[in-house]
PDB file of N, CA and C in Angstrom:
ATOM      1  N   UNK A   1     -10.458 -10.037  36.938  1.00  0.00           N
ATOM      2  CA  UNK A   1     -10.245  -9.342  35.023  1.00  0.00           C
ATOM      3  C   UNK A   1      -9.055  -9.106  34.978  1.00  0.00           C
ATOM      4  N   UNK A   2      -8.491  -9.287  33.973  1.00  0.00           N
ATOM      5  CA  UNK A   2      -7.512  -8.387  33.582  1.00  0.00           C
ATOM      6  C   UNK A   2      -7.664  -6.807  32.207  1.00  0.00           C
ATOM      7  N   UNK A   3      -7.155  -6.760  32.052  1.00  0.00           N
ATOM      8  CA  UNK A   3      -7.006  -5.159  31.264  1.00  0.00           C
ATOM      9  C   UNK A   3      -7.516  -5.973  30.008  1.00  0.00           C
ATOM     10  N   UNK A   4      -6.765  -7.244  29.777  1.00  0.00           N
ATOM     11  CA  UNK A   4      -7.551  -7.530  27.951  1.00  0.00           C
ATOM     12  C   UNK A   4      -8.559  -7.886  27.878  1.00  0.00           C
ATOM     13  N   UNK A   5      -9.502  -8.722  29.280  1.00  0.00           N
ATOM     14  CA  UNK A   5     -11.033  -8.731  28.861  1.00  0.00           C
ATOM     15  C   UNK A   5     -11.452  -7.131  29.126  1.00  0.00           C
ATOM     16  N   UNK A   6     -11.180  -6.621  30.107  1.00  0.00           N
ATOM     17  CA  UNK A   6     -11.899  -5.617  29.647  1.00  0.00           C
ATOM     18  C   UNK A   6     -12.148  -4.372  28.784  1.00  0.00           C
ATOM     19  N   UNK A   7     -11.042  -4.540  28.458  1.00  0.00           N
ATOM     20  CA  UNK A   7     -10.710  -4.081  27.206  1.00  0.00           C
ATOM     21  C   UNK A   7     -11.832  -3.940  25.905  1.00  0.00           C
ATOM     22  N   UNK A   8     -11.882  -6.045  25.693  1.00  0.00           N
ATOM     23  CA  UNK A   8     -13.019  -6.358  24.925  1.00  0.00           C
ATOM     24  C   UNK A   8     -13.826  -6.563  24.854  1.00  0.00           C
ATOM     25  N   UNK A   9     -14.624  -6.794  26.364  1.00  0.00           N
ATOM     26  CA  UNK A   9     -15.738  -6.568  26.963  1.00  0.00           C
ATOM     27  C   UNK A   9     -16.159  -4.862  26.167  1.00  0.00           C
ATOM     28  N   UNK A  10     -15.325  -3.951  27.008  1.00  0.00           N
ATOM     29  CA  UNK A  10     -15.745  -2.650  26.246  1.00  0.00           C
ATOM     30  C   UNK A  10     -15.331  -2.863  24.437  1.00  0.00           C
ATOM     31  N   UNK A  11     -14.787  -3.426  23.963  1.00  0.00           N
ATOM     32  CA  UNK A  11     -14.669  -3.272  22.911  1.00  0.00           C
ATOM     33  C   UNK A  11     -16.173  -3.789  22.220  1.00  0.00           C
ATOM     34  N   UNK A  12     -15.829  -5.055  22.398  1.00  0.00           N
ATOM     35  CA  UNK A  12     -17.468  -5.650  21.859  1.00  0.00           C
ATOM     36  C   UNK A  12     -19.084  -5.288  22.418  1.00  0.00           C
ATOM     37  N   UNK A  13     -18.814  -4.458  23.614  1.00  0.00           N
ATOM     38  CA  UNK A  13     -20.368  -3.629  23.871  1.00  0.00           C
ATOM     39  C   UNK A  13     -20.603  -2.379  22.828  1.00  0.00           C
ATOM     40  N   UNK A  14     -19.074  -1.958  22.615  1.00  0.00           N
ATOM     41  CA  UNK A  14     -19.847  -0.244  21.638  1.00  0.00           C
ATOM     42  C   UNK A  14     -19.050  -0.966  20.434  1.00  0.00           C
ATOM     43  N   UNK A  15     -18.453  -1.795  19.726  1.00  0.00           N
ATOM     44  CA  UNK A  15     -19.147  -2.332  18.346  1.00  0.00           C
ATOM     45  C   UNK A  15     -20.509  -2.471  18.483  1.00  0.00           C
ATOM     46  N   UNK A  16     -20.860  -3.129  18.636  1.00  0.00           N
ATOM     47  CA  UNK A  16     -22.891  -3.919  18.540  1.00  0.00           C
ATOM     48  C   UNK A  16     -23.508  -2.289  18.976  1.00  0.00           C
ATOM     49  N   UNK A  17     -23.224  -1.123  19.650  1.00  0.00           N
ATOM     50  CA  UNK A  17     -23.641  -0.138  19.722  1.00  0.00           C
ATOM     51  C   UNK A  17     -23.377   0.078  18.377  1.00  0.00           C
ATOM     52  N   UNK A  18     -22.546   0.667  18.084  1.00  0.00           N
ATOM     53  CA  UNK A  18     -22.292   0.892  16.434  1.00  0.00           C
ATOM     54  C   UNK A  18     -22.732   0.719  15.079  1.00  0.00           C
ATOM     55  N   UNK A  19     -23.014  -0.582  15.480  1.00  0.00           N
ATOM     56  CA  UNK A  19     -23.668  -1.939  13.896  1.00  0.00           C
ATOM     57  C   UNK A  19     -24.779  -1.981  14.225  1.00  0.00           C
ATOM     58  N   UNK A  20     -25.865  -1.243  15.709  1.00  0.00           N
ATOM     59  CA  UNK A  20     -26.960  -1.442  16.182  1.00  0.00           C
ATOM     60  C   UNK A  20     -27.453  -2.582  16.417  1.00  0.00           C
ATOM     61  N   UNK A  21     -27.246  -3.070  17.306  1.00  0.00           N
ATOM     62  CA  UNK A  21     -27.543  -4.837  17.862  1.00  0.00           C
ATOM     63  C   UNK A  21     -26.736  -5.042  19.266  1.00  0.00           C
ATOM     64  N   UNK A  22     -27.211  -5.943  19.498  1.00  0.00           N
ATOM     65  CA  UNK A  22     -26.465  -6.785  20.943  1.00  0.00           C
ATOM     66  C   UNK A  22     -25.321  -7.151  20.989  1.00  0.00           C
ATOM     67  N   UNK A  23     -24.567  -6.959  22.674  1.00  0.00           N
ATOM     68  CA  UNK A  23     -22.713  -8.219  22.189  1.00  0.00           C
ATOM     69  C   UNK A  23     -23.406  -9.861  22.342  1.00  0.00           C
ATOM     70  N   UNK A  24     -24.220  -9.929  22.006  1.00  0.00           N
ATOM     71  CA  UNK A  24     -24.773 -11.055  22.232  1.00  0.00           C
ATOM     72  C   UNK A  24     -24.853 -11.622  20.028  1.00  0.00           C
ATOM     73  N   UNK A  25     -25.263 -10.729  19.720  1.00  0.00           N
ATOM     74  CA  UNK A  25     -24.960 -11.256  18.201  1.00  0.00           C
ATOM     75  C   UNK A  25     -24.079 -10.924  17.348  1.00  0.00           C
ATOM     76  N   UNK A  26     -23.383  -9.891  17.790  1.00  0.00           N
ATOM     77  CA  UNK A  26     -21.802  -9.251  18.164  1.00  0.00           C
ATOM     78  C   UNK A  26     -20.898 -10.896  18.074  1.00  0.00           C
ATOM     79  N   UNK A  27     -21.174 -11.727  19.160  1.00  0.00           N
ATOM     80  CA  UNK A  27     -20.051 -11.996  18.915  1.00  0.00           C
ATOM     81  C   UNK A  27     -20.414 -13.398  18.732  1.00  0.00           C
ATOM     82  N   UNK A  28     -21.690 -13.868  18.237  1.00  0.00           N
ATOM     83  CA  UNK A  28     -22.003 -14.716  17.581  1.00  0.00           C
ATOM     84  C   UNK A  28     -21.363 -15.062  16.554  1.00  0.00           C
ATOM     85  N   UNK A  29     -21.618 -13.130  16.127  1.00  0.00           N
ATOM     86  CA  UNK A  29     -21.281 -13.091  14.105  1.00  0.00           C
ATOM     87  C   UNK A  29     -19.112 -13.315  14.176  1.00  0.00           C
ATOM     88  N   UNK A  30     -18.654 -12.567  15.719  1.00  0.00           N
ATOM     89  CA  UNK A  30     -17.140 -12.706  15.543  1.00  0.00           C
ATOM     90  C   UNK A  30     -16.765 -14.424  15.875  1.00  0.00           C
ATOM     91  N   UNK A  31     -17.220 -15.488  16.446  1.00  0.00           N
ATOM     92  CA  UNK A  31     -17.582 -17.127  16.456  1.00  0.00           C
ATOM     93  C   UNK A  31     -17.739 -17.184  15.317  1.00  0.00           C
ATOM     94  N   UNK A  32     -18.210 -17.381  14.595  1.00  0.00           N
ATOM     95  CA  UNK A  32     -18.678 -17.503  12.977  1.00  0.00           C
ATOM     96  C   UNK A  32     -18.162 -17.474  12.176  1.00  0.00           C
ATOM     97  N   UNK A  33     -17.334 -15.929  11.596  1.00  0.00           N
ATOM     98  CA  UNK A  33     -16.040 -15.837  10.903  1.00  0.00           C
ATOM     99  C   UNK A  33     -14.983 -16.651  11.997  1.00  0.00           C
ATOM    100  N   UNK A  34     -14.433 -17.623  13.064  1.00  0.00           N
ATOM    101  CA  UNK A  34     -13.383 -17.593  13.511  1.00  0.00           C
ATOM    102  C   UNK A  34     -11.803 -16.595  13.842  1.00  0.00           C
ATOM    103  N   UNK A  35     -13.204 -14.978  14.327  1.00  0.00           N
ATOM    104  CA  UNK A  35     -12.198 -13.796  14.874  1.00  0.00           C
ATOM    105  C   UNK A  35     -11.886 -13.841  16.045  1.00  0.00           C
ATOM    106  N   UNK A  36     -12.748 -14.062  17.139  1.00  0.00           N
ATOM    107  CA  UNK A  36     -12.727 -13.265  18.132  1.00  0.00           C
ATOM    108  C   UNK A  36     -11.293 -14.210  18.932  1.00  0.00           C
ATOM    109  N   UNK A  37     -11.052 -14.935  19.058  1.00  0.00           N
ATOM    110  CA  UNK A  37      -9.745 -14.841  19.370  1.00  0.00           C
ATOM    111  C   UNK A  37      -8.396 -13.654  18.512  1.00  0.00           C
ATOM    112  N   UNK A  38      -8.190 -13.258  17.444  1.00  0.00           N
ATOM    113  CA  UNK A  38      -7.935 -12.894  16.985  1.00  0.00           C
ATOM    114  C   UNK A  38      -7.949 -11.058  17.186  1.00  0.00           C
ATOM    115  N   UNK A  39      -9.278 -11.051  18.034  1.00  0.00           N
ATOM    116  CA  UNK A  39      -9.450  -9.562  18.142  1.00  0.00           C
ATOM    117  C   UNK A  39      -9.344  -9.037  18.639  1.00  0.00           C
ATOM    118  N   UNK A  40      -9.669 -10.530  20.317  1.00  0.00           N
ATOM    119  CA  UNK A  40      -9.213 -10.276  21.463  1.00  0.00           C
ATOM    120  C   UNK A  40      -7.553  -9.756  21.664  1.00  0.00           C
ATOM    121  N   UNK A  41      -6.937 -11.415  20.799  1.00  0.00           N
ATOM    122  CA  UNK A  41      -5.024 -10.650  20.750  1.00  0.00           C
ATOM    123  C   UNK A  41      -4.672  -9.771  20.664  1.00  0.00           C
ATOM    124  N   UNK A  42      -5.016  -8.717  19.749  1.00  0.00           N
ATOM    125  CA  UNK A  42      -5.386  -7.044  19.304  1.00  0.00           C
ATOM    126  C   UNK A  42      -5.317  -6.653  19.772  1.00  0.00           C
ATOM    127  N   UNK A  43      -5.699  -6.492  21.531  1.00  0.00           N
ATOM    128  CA  UNK A  43      -5.621  -5.449  22.395  1.00  0.00           C
ATOM    129  C   UNK A  43      -5.008  -5.061  22.347  1.00  0.00           C
ATOM    130  N   UNK A  44      -2.896  -5.291  22.379  1.00  0.00           N
ATOM    131  CA  UNK A  44      -2.402  -3.792  22.675  1.00  0.00           C
ATOM    132  C   UNK A  44      -2.997  -2.906  21.382  1.00  0.00           C
ATOM    133  N   UNK A  45      -3.214  -3.281  19.998  1.00  0.00           N
ATOM    134  CA  UNK A  45      -3.239  -2.401  19.067  1.00  0.00           C
ATOM    135  C   UNK A  45      -4.700  -1.374  18.916  1.00  0.00           C
ATOM    136  N   UNK A  46      -5.448  -2.309  19.360  1.00  0.00           N
ATOM    137  CA  UNK A  46      -6.998  -1.361  19.471  1.00  0.00           C
ATOM    138  C   UNK A  46      -6.967  -0.321  20.843  1.00  0.00           C
ATOM    139  N   UNK A  47      -6.218  -0.760  21.792  1.00  0.00           N
ATOM    140  CA  UNK A  47      -6.467   0.191  22.733  1.00  0.00           C
ATOM    141  C   UNK A  47      -5.169   1.225  22.446  1.00  0.00           C
ATOM    142  N   UNK A  48      -4.759   1.078  21.798  1.00  0.00           N
ATOM    143  CA  UNK A  48      -3.689   2.630  21.437  1.00  0.00           C
ATOM    144  C   UNK A  48      -3.909   3.394  20.498  1.00  0.00           C
ATOM    145  N   UNK A  49      -5.426   3.170  20.166  1.00  0.00           N
ATOM    146  CA  UNK A  49      -5.999   3.768  18.516  1.00  0.00           C
ATOM    147  C   UNK A  49      -7.235   3.761  19.107  1.00  0.00           C
ATOM    148  N   UNK A  50      -7.501   4.868  18.015  1.00  0.00           N
ATOM    149  CA  UNK A  50      -9.809   5.368  18.367  1.00  0.00           C
ATOM    150  C   UNK A  50     -10.172   3.845  18.094  1.00  0.00           C
ATOM    151  N   UNK A  51     -11.249   4.029  18.610  1.00  0.00           N
ATOM    152  CA  UNK A  51     -11.755   2.785  18.620  1.00  0.00           C
ATOM    153  C   UNK A  51     -12.857   2.593  16.855  1.00  0.00           C
ATOM    154  N   UNK A  52     -12.736   3.928  16.627  1.00  0.00           N
ATOM    155  CA  UNK A  52     -13.044   3.383  15.452  1.00  0.00           C
ATOM    156  C   UNK A  52     -12.411   2.867  14.540  1.00  0.00           C
ATOM    157  N   UNK A  53     -10.456   2.746  14.391  1.00  0.00           N
ATOM    158  CA  UNK A  53      -9.920   2.563  14.144  1.00  0.00           C
ATOM    159  C   UNK A  53     -10.187   0.670  14.068  1.00  0.00           C
ATOM    160  N   UNK A  54     -10.266   0.681  15.015  1.00  0.00           N
ATOM    161  CA  UNK A  54     -10.774  -1.091  15.625  1.00  0.00           C
ATOM    162  C   UNK A  54     -12.029  -2.024  14.755  1.00  0.00           C
ATOM    163  N   UNK A  55     -13.094  -0.932  15.241  1.00  0.00           N
ATOM    164  CA  UNK A  55     -14.825  -1.106  14.434  1.00  0.00           C
ATOM    165  C   UNK A  55     -14.073  -1.544  13.097  1.00  0.00           C
ATOM    166  N   UNK A  56     -13.100  -0.691  12.036  1.00  0.00           N
ATOM    167  CA  UNK A  56     -12.468  -0.924  10.941  1.00  0.00           C
ATOM    168  C   UNK A  56     -11.690  -1.676  10.250  1.00  0.00           C
ATOM    169  N   UNK A  57     -10.814  -2.748  11.261  1.00  0.00           N
ATOM    170  CA  UNK A  57     -10.015  -3.427  11.046  1.00  0.00           C
ATOM    171  C   UNK A  57     -11.428  -5.110  11.355  1.00  0.00           C
ATOM    172  N   UNK A  58     -12.161  -4.643  12.387  1.00  0.00           N
ATOM    173  CA  UNK A  58     -12.807  -5.673  12.733  1.00  0.00           C
ATOM    174  C   UNK A  58     -13.927  -5.718  11.409  1.00  0.00           C
ATOM    175  N   UNK A  59     -14.495  -4.912  10.572  1.00  0.00           N
ATOM    176  CA  UNK A  59     -15.589  -4.975   9.286  1.00  0.00           C
ATOM    177  C   UNK A  59     -14.250  -5.610   8.036  1.00  0.00           C
ATOM    178  N   UNK A  60     -13.549  -5.495   8.109  1.00  0.00           N
ATOM    179  CA  UNK A  60     -12.195  -5.966   7.175  1.00  0.00           C
ATOM    180  C   UNK A  60     -11.764  -7.808   7.506  1.00  0.00           C
ATOM    181  N   UNK A  61     -11.587  -7.309   8.677  1.00  0.00           N
ATOM    182  CA  UNK A  61     -11.861  -9.472   9.449  1.00  0.00           C
ATOM    183  C   UNK A  61     -13.178  -9.796   9.327  1.00  0.00           C
ATOM    184  N   UNK A  62     -14.060  -9.160   8.993  1.00  0.00           N
ATOM    185  CA  UNK A  62     -15.514  -9.650   8.586  1.00  0.00           C
ATOM    186  C   UNK A  62     -15.691  -9.818   7.432  1.00  0.00           C
ATOM    187  N   UNK A  63     -14.845  -9.310   7.011  1.00  0.00           N
ATOM    188  CA  UNK A  63     -15.122  -9.247   5.388  1.00  0.00           C
ATOM    189  C   UNK A  63     -14.177  -9.983   4.501  1.00  0.00           C
ATOM    190  N   UNK A  64     -13.646  -9.957   4.721  1.00  0.00           N
ATOM    191  CA  UNK A  64     -12.244 -10.522   4.383  1.00  0.00           C
ATOM    192  C   UNK A  64     -10.846 -11.199   4.786  1.00  0.00           C
ATOM    193  N   UNK A  65     -11.154 -11.114   6.036  1.00  0.00           N
ATOM    194  CA  UNK A  65     -10.751 -12.296   6.952  1.00  0.00           C
ATOM    195  C   UNK A  65      -9.124 -12.028   6.761  1.00  0.00           C
ATOM    196  N   UNK A  66      -9.038 -10.181   6.896  1.00  0.00           N
ATOM    197  CA  UNK A  66      -7.609 -10.049   7.068  1.00  0.00           C
ATOM    198  C   UNK A  66      -7.755  -8.618   8.232  1.00  0.00           C
ATOM    199  N   UNK A  67      -6.687  -8.526   8.081  1.00  0.00           N
ATOM    200  CA  UNK A  67      -6.739  -7.169   9.102  1.00  0.00           C
ATOM    201  C   UNK A  67      -6.758  -5.901   7.605  1.00  0.00           C
ATOM    202  N   UNK A  68      -7.456  -4.770   8.527  1.00  0.00           N
ATOM    203  CA  UNK A  68      -7.761  -3.619   7.360  1.00  0.00           C
ATOM    204  C   UNK A  68      -5.883  -3.117   7.054  1.00  0.00           C
ATOM    205  N   UNK A  69      -5.249  -3.234   8.300  1.00  0.00           N
ATOM    206  CA  UNK A  69      -3.229  -2.377   7.767  1.00  0.00           C
ATOM    207  C   UNK A  69      -2.602  -3.338   7.640  1.00  0.00           C
TER     208      UNK A  69
END
């Protein structure tokens, strides 16, 4: 498994915990909003920052379709 996929799974699980749901529900929501690949592709940015920054960006993508930064 690639480092990107390892981190994506980590991010997915911690985001689900943060939202008090499970990873399956989060992935479904990301897929419904068409942002799953965008999140995966932002490995470099998310991996270098605090996990809370990634959560804020994901929340922005869900709400507006645009990155928080």
